[in-house]
């Protein structure tokens, strides 16, 4: 019955391209690096439009009622735009459309960025991460969880390369977009790709408490992997794979990252079931852990949008 379902693979939806990038700048030392990395990603994806955006917190401005500063907001916007324009002119080498934009966030600067992403149909948002910085209290968490776009966390001084790619997915329909993104980048640029499959035994079988049940889960996961590869016209040994069987989802981000380090990966692509707005979901947990983690490898969080459900995958994973 499953094999019969696989005959429908020709109906797989076409992967939506990443055309519109947003790059969050904050006028700090990481901006020059992030601008250069954005040029690299604009060429890699490839993108047609790149917007460099800075949200000014209202509390950074003098009292608007103060007569001594009647045009301070207008003047500050002009100064910031001029500085951003100069930096982008010097560092952004990719030949595609780009612009700079600023916005004052009277309540929350993160809300301004989230609204901009929604209003301008941004496909992917680049968020820079400074080395050694404590990110737990920064508004990047709100952007990563609530923005409608995919997110790319870019560590300071990350190498401008995607070879090789580690793609981490959880065998859910929701994670297939990430698998397709990694596969597309691998095929387009002729780079190596490996897969880290997260198999949650609580969704398909009684939790693994014995060697026998663990072995059963491993076999089931292997079958799903084989069916997945067949659906994408991949041979069983075309992509190196590691299947992670576990009960504790809280450490999955660390497990994924350690495997990426072992394989000298230059890009991690992550997709999973759930919603990034809550850390109680697998996707939300992974997104937040990767956000605050000290790392050197960029992490692309591919959020799932409503799309066709593949019945064979749903049957096998429960």
Protein backbone atom coordinates (compact mmCIF):
# COMPACT_ATOMS: atom_id res chain seq x y z
CA UNK A 1 0.00 0.00 0.00
CA UNK A 2 2.84 2.37 0.83
CA UNK A 3 4.56 1.61 -2.47
CA UNK A 4 1.33 2.41 -4.27
CA UNK A 5 1.22 5.77 -2.56
CA UNK A 6 4.74 6.42 -3.76
CA UNK A 7 3.51 6.38 -7.33
CA UNK A 8 2.07 9.81 -6.58
CA UNK A 9 5.57 11.27 -6.21
CA UNK A 10 5.19 13.06 -9.56
CA UNK A 11 2.69 15.33 -7.79
CA UNK A 12 5.30 16.67 -5.37
CA UNK A 13 4.99 20.48 -5.18
CA UNK A 14 7.82 22.50 -6.66
CA UNK A 15 10.19 23.99 -4.10
CA UNK A 16 9.47 27.68 -3.68
CA UNK A 17 12.54 29.81 -4.44
CA UNK A 18 14.10 32.20 -1.94
CA UNK A 19 13.97 35.50 -3.80
CA UNK A 20 13.52 38.17 -1.14
CA UNK A 21 16.08 38.45 1.67
CA UNK A 22 16.01 40.68 4.75
CA UNK A 23 19.26 41.39 6.59
CA UNK A 24 18.94 42.71 10.15
CA UNK A 25 21.68 45.24 10.91
CA UNK A 26 22.30 46.84 14.30
CA UNK A 27 25.13 49.32 13.58
CA UNK A 28 27.70 47.26 15.48
CA UNK A 29 30.94 45.51 14.55
CA UNK A 30 29.13 42.52 13.05
CA UNK A 31 27.43 44.57 10.31
CA UNK A 32 30.33 44.55 7.78
CA UNK A 33 30.62 40.78 8.05
CA UNK A 34 26.86 40.27 7.79
CA UNK A 35 26.65 42.47 4.68
CA UNK A 36 29.40 40.44 2.99
CA UNK A 37 27.77 37.15 4.01
CA UNK A 38 24.43 38.40 2.65
CA UNK A 39 26.09 38.95 -0.74
CA UNK A 40 27.33 35.36 -0.64
CA UNK A 41 23.88 33.98 0.24
CA UNK A 42 22.15 36.21 -2.33
CA UNK A 43 24.27 34.54 -5.01
CA UNK A 44 23.91 31.05 -3.51
CA UNK A 45 20.12 30.93 -3.20
CA UNK A 46 19.90 32.99 -5.59
CA UNK A 47 17.97 36.06 -4.42
CA UNK A 48 16.54 38.86 -6.52
CA UNK A 49 16.05 41.46 -3.78
CA UNK A 50 17.97 42.15 -0.57
CA UNK A 51 16.84 44.64 2.05
CA UNK A 52 19.17 45.81 4.82
CA UNK A 53 16.97 46.80 7.74
CA UNK A 54 17.62 48.58 11.03
CA UNK A 55 14.90 49.03 13.64
CA UNK A 56 15.52 51.98 15.97
CA UNK A 57 14.22 51.56 19.49
CA UNK A 58 12.09 54.53 20.51
CA UNK A 59 13.78 54.74 23.91
CA UNK A 60 17.04 55.57 22.10
CA UNK A 61 15.47 58.84 20.96
CA UNK A 62 15.10 62.01 23.06
CA UNK A 63 11.62 62.99 24.21
CA UNK A 64 9.64 63.84 21.07
CA UNK A 65 7.96 66.66 22.95
CA UNK A 66 11.28 68.34 23.65
CA UNK A 67 11.41 71.54 21.56
CA UNK A 68 15.19 71.27 21.29
CA UNK A 69 14.81 68.09 19.20
CA UNK A 70 11.80 68.67 16.93
CA UNK A 71 13.27 66.70 13.99
CA UNK A 72 15.51 64.29 15.85
CA UNK A 73 13.72 61.21 14.50
CA UNK A 74 13.94 62.40 10.90
CA UNK A 75 17.56 63.43 11.31
CA UNK A 76 18.55 60.16 13.00
CA UNK A 77 16.85 58.12 10.30
CA UNK A 78 18.74 60.08 7.64
CA UNK A 79 22.08 59.60 9.40
CA UNK A 80 21.54 55.87 9.89
CA UNK A 81 20.41 55.36 6.30
CA UNK A 82 23.47 57.23 5.05
CA UNK A 83 25.83 55.08 7.12
CA UNK A 84 24.10 51.88 6.06
CA UNK A 85 24.12 52.94 2.42
CA UNK A 86 27.86 53.62 2.60
CA UNK A 87 28.61 50.23 4.18
CA UNK A 88 26.45 48.30 1.72
CA UNK A 89 27.97 50.18 -1.23
CA UNK A 90 31.43 49.12 -0.10
CA UNK A 91 30.76 45.51 0.95
CA UNK A 92 27.78 44.14 -0.97
CA UNK A 93 29.28 42.76 -4.16
CA UNK A 94 26.39 40.69 -5.54
CA UNK A 95 24.71 42.19 -8.61
CA UNK A 96 21.09 42.13 -7.51
CA UNK A 97 18.61 44.73 -6.32
CA UNK A 98 19.14 46.00 -2.81
CA UNK A 99 17.96 48.80 -0.58
CA UNK A 100 18.31 50.04 2.97
CA UNK A 101 15.37 50.69 5.29
CA UNK A 102 14.91 51.97 8.83
CA UNK A 103 11.94 52.05 11.15
CA UNK A 104 11.34 53.36 14.67
CA UNK A 105 9.78 50.82 17.02
CA UNK A 106 7.75 52.76 19.54
CA UNK A 107 6.72 49.66 21.43
CA UNK A 108 9.17 46.99 20.35
CA UNK A 109 11.75 47.10 17.54
CA UNK A 110 11.30 43.36 17.00
CA UNK A 111 7.63 43.96 16.19
CA UNK A 112 8.66 46.41 13.47
CA UNK A 113 10.91 43.80 11.88
CA UNK A 114 8.23 41.09 12.10
CA UNK A 115 5.68 43.43 10.51
CA UNK A 116 8.12 44.39 7.75
CA UNK A 117 8.73 40.72 6.97
CA UNK A 118 5.00 40.07 6.69
CA UNK A 119 4.18 43.19 4.66
CA UNK A 120 7.02 42.70 2.17
CA UNK A 121 6.74 38.93 1.69
CA UNK A 122 10.28 38.25 2.89
CA UNK A 123 11.38 34.67 2.17
CA UNK A 124 14.40 34.52 4.48
CA UNK A 125 15.74 36.73 7.27
CA UNK A 126 19.44 36.84 8.15
CA UNK A 127 20.21 37.40 11.84
CA UNK A 128 23.82 38.01 12.85
CA UNK A 129 25.23 36.51 16.05
CA UNK A 130 28.27 38.01 17.72
CA UNK A 131 30.91 35.69 19.15
CA UNK A 132 30.65 35.17 22.90
CA UNK A 133 27.47 37.23 23.22
CA UNK A 134 24.70 36.26 25.61
CA UNK A 135 21.66 36.17 23.33
CA UNK A 136 19.05 34.96 25.80
CA UNK A 137 17.51 38.37 26.42
CA UNK A 138 17.81 39.87 22.94
CA UNK A 139 14.87 40.54 20.64
CA UNK A 140 16.26 38.16 18.01
CA UNK A 141 14.36 35.41 19.83
CA UNK A 142 11.05 37.06 19.05
CA UNK A 143 12.02 37.57 15.42
CA UNK A 144 13.15 33.96 15.05
CA UNK A 145 9.97 32.55 16.55
CA UNK A 146 7.29 34.87 15.16
CA UNK A 147 8.57 36.01 11.76
CA UNK A 148 6.73 34.51 8.79
CA UNK A 149 9.99 33.94 6.91
CA UNK A 150 12.66 31.29 7.20
CA UNK A 151 15.55 32.30 9.47
CA UNK A 152 19.30 32.09 8.89
CA UNK A 153 21.43 32.50 12.00
CA UNK A 154 24.85 33.78 10.88
CA UNK A 155 27.65 33.51 13.47
CA UNK A 156 30.31 36.17 13.36
CA UNK A 157 33.22 35.12 11.10
CA UNK A 158 31.36 32.11 9.63
CA UNK A 159 32.99 30.86 6.43
CA UNK A 160 31.30 31.86 3.18
CA UNK A 161 30.71 28.31 2.01
CA UNK A 162 27.90 25.74 2.00
CA UNK A 163 30.11 22.73 1.28
CA UNK A 164 29.21 20.40 2.86
CA UNK A 165 25.59 20.77 4.03
CA UNK A 166 24.07 18.92 6.97
CA UNK A 167 20.29 18.64 6.68
CA UNK A 168 18.45 17.73 9.89
CA UNK A 169 14.80 16.65 9.63
CA UNK A 170 12.41 14.57 11.70
CA UNK A 171 10.61 12.46 9.04
CA UNK A 172 7.51 14.66 9.30
CA UNK A 173 5.67 16.14 6.34
CA UNK A 174 6.39 19.55 7.83
CA UNK A 175 10.14 18.99 7.60
CA UNK A 176 10.17 18.07 3.91
CA UNK A 177 10.61 21.71 2.88
CA UNK A 178 13.97 21.74 4.68
CA UNK A 179 14.99 18.47 3.03
CA UNK A 180 14.08 19.91 -0.36
CA UNK A 181 16.00 23.13 0.36
CA UNK A 182 19.16 21.25 1.28
CA UNK A 183 18.78 18.93 -1.69
CA UNK A 184 18.27 21.85 -4.07
CA UNK A 185 21.39 23.67 -2.82
CA UNK A 186 23.40 20.46 -3.02
CA UNK A 187 22.35 19.75 -6.60
CA UNK A 188 22.59 23.35 -7.80
CA UNK A 189 26.14 23.91 -6.55
CA UNK A 190 27.45 20.35 -6.69
CA UNK A 191 28.24 20.28 -2.97
CA UNK A 192 28.08 17.36 -0.58
CA UNK A 193 25.07 16.85 1.65
CA UNK A 194 24.45 14.51 4.55
CA UNK A 195 21.28 13.93 6.57
CA UNK A 196 20.65 13.75 10.28
CA UNK A 197 17.24 12.14 10.78
CA UNK A 198 15.54 12.74 14.12
CA UNK A 199 13.21 9.85 14.89
CA UNK A 200 10.91 10.43 17.86
CA UNK A 201 9.82 6.95 19.04
CA UNK A 202 6.86 8.38 20.97
CA UNK A 203 5.15 9.23 17.67
CA UNK A 204 5.39 5.82 16.05
CA UNK A 205 6.04 3.17 18.69
CA UNK A 206 6.23 2.71 22.44
CA UNK A 207 9.25 4.67 23.82
CA UNK A 208 12.53 2.81 23.48
CA UNK A 209 13.30 1.38 26.90
CA UNK A 210 14.88 -1.88 25.83
CA UNK A 211 17.45 -2.95 23.27
CA UNK A 212 14.72 -4.76 21.36
CA UNK A 213 12.39 -1.76 21.07
CA UNK A 214 15.30 0.50 20.18
CA UNK A 215 16.31 -1.88 17.42
CA UNK A 216 12.73 -1.93 16.14
CA UNK A 217 12.62 1.88 16.04
CA UNK A 218 15.89 1.93 14.14
CA UNK A 219 14.49 -0.49 11.56
CA UNK A 220 11.32 1.56 11.18
CA UNK A 221 13.30 4.74 10.73
CA UNK A 222 15.46 3.08 8.11
CA UNK A 223 12.36 2.04 6.16
CA UNK A 224 11.02 5.59 6.23
CA UNK A 225 14.37 6.91 5.03
CA UNK A 226 14.38 4.45 2.12
CA UNK A 227 10.85 5.45 1.12
CA UNK A 228 11.73 9.13 1.39
CA UNK A 229 14.77 8.71 -0.84
CA UNK A 230 12.74 6.77 -3.38
CA UNK A 231 10.15 9.52 -3.47
CA UNK A 232 12.87 12.02 -4.38
CA UNK A 233 14.48 9.68 -6.91
CA UNK A 234 17.55 9.17 -4.73
CA UNK A 235 19.48 5.93 -4.45
CA UNK A 236 19.70 4.47 -0.90
CA UNK A 237 23.39 5.31 -0.59
CA UNK A 238 23.39 8.63 -2.47
CA UNK A 239 23.41 10.74 0.70
CA UNK A 240 25.22 9.74 3.91
CA UNK A 241 22.66 9.44 6.70
CA UNK A 242 22.62 9.23 10.46
CA UNK A 243 19.43 8.27 12.28
CA UNK A 244 19.08 9.59 15.82
CA UNK A 245 16.76 7.55 18.06
CA UNK A 246 15.95 9.24 21.32
CA UNK A 247 13.38 10.33 23.88
CA UNK A 248 14.89 13.63 25.01
CA UNK A 249 14.17 16.27 22.37
CA UNK A 250 15.78 19.00 24.47
CA UNK A 251 19.30 18.00 23.41
CA UNK A 252 18.61 17.49 19.71
CA UNK A 253 20.13 20.82 18.67
CA UNK A 254 23.40 19.93 20.42
CA UNK A 255 23.36 16.48 18.80
CA UNK A 256 22.82 18.00 15.36
CA UNK A 257 25.54 20.58 15.84
CA UNK A 258 28.09 18.05 17.09
CA UNK A 259 27.46 15.91 14.02
CA UNK A 260 27.86 18.96 11.79
CA UNK A 261 31.20 19.70 13.45
CA UNK A 262 32.38 16.12 12.90
CA UNK A 263 31.52 16.40 9.21
CA UNK A 264 33.06 19.87 8.91
CA UNK A 265 29.71 21.19 7.65
CA UNK A 266 29.50 24.81 6.50
CA UNK A 267 25.70 25.06 6.65
CA UNK A 268 23.06 23.35 8.79
CA UNK A 269 19.52 23.21 7.36
CA UNK A 270 16.85 22.32 9.92
CA UNK A 271 13.20 21.39 9.53
CA UNK A 272 10.84 19.66 11.96
CA UNK A 273 7.25 19.30 13.05
CA UNK A 274 5.82 22.04 15.21
CA UNK A 275 5.68 25.80 15.58
CA UNK A 276 8.68 28.04 16.29
CA UNK A 277 6.61 30.23 18.61
CA UNK A 278 6.79 27.63 21.38
CA UNK A 279 9.77 25.70 22.72
CA UNK A 280 7.41 22.85 23.63
CA UNK A 281 7.39 21.90 19.95
CA UNK A 282 10.41 20.23 18.38
CA UNK A 283 10.86 22.98 15.80
CA UNK A 284 10.50 25.70 18.43
CA UNK A 285 12.97 23.95 20.72
CA UNK A 286 15.52 23.54 17.95
CA UNK A 287 15.14 27.14 16.78
CA UNK A 288 15.57 28.66 20.24
CA UNK A 289 18.48 26.39 21.19
CA UNK A 290 20.32 27.17 17.95
CA UNK A 291 19.65 30.87 18.49
CA UNK A 292 21.34 31.03 21.89
CA UNK A 293 24.02 28.43 21.15
CA UNK A 294 27.62 29.58 20.71
CA UNK A 295 28.51 28.31 17.25
CA UNK A 296 30.58 28.86 14.14
CA UNK A 297 28.31 27.20 11.56
CA UNK A 298 25.32 29.10 10.11
CA UNK A 299 21.95 27.47 10.81
CA UNK A 300 19.00 27.81 8.43
CA UNK A 301 15.63 27.24 10.11
CA UNK A 302 13.15 26.32 7.39
CA UNK A 303 9.62 26.92 8.59
CA UNK A 304 6.86 24.85 7.09
CA UNK A 305 3.92 26.50 5.35
CA UNK A 306 0.59 24.82 4.54
CA UNK A 307 1.31 22.36 1.78
CA UNK A 308 0.37 18.99 0.35
CA UNK A 309 0.40 16.13 2.86
CA UNK A 310 2.21 13.00 1.74
CA UNK A 311 -0.01 10.18 2.97
CA UNK A 312 2.72 7.53 2.85
CA UNK A 313 4.88 9.52 5.27
CA UNK A 314 1.99 10.24 7.62
CA UNK A 315 1.09 6.53 7.74
CA UNK A 316 4.63 5.44 8.54
CA UNK A 317 5.25 8.05 11.27
CA UNK A 318 1.85 7.84 12.90
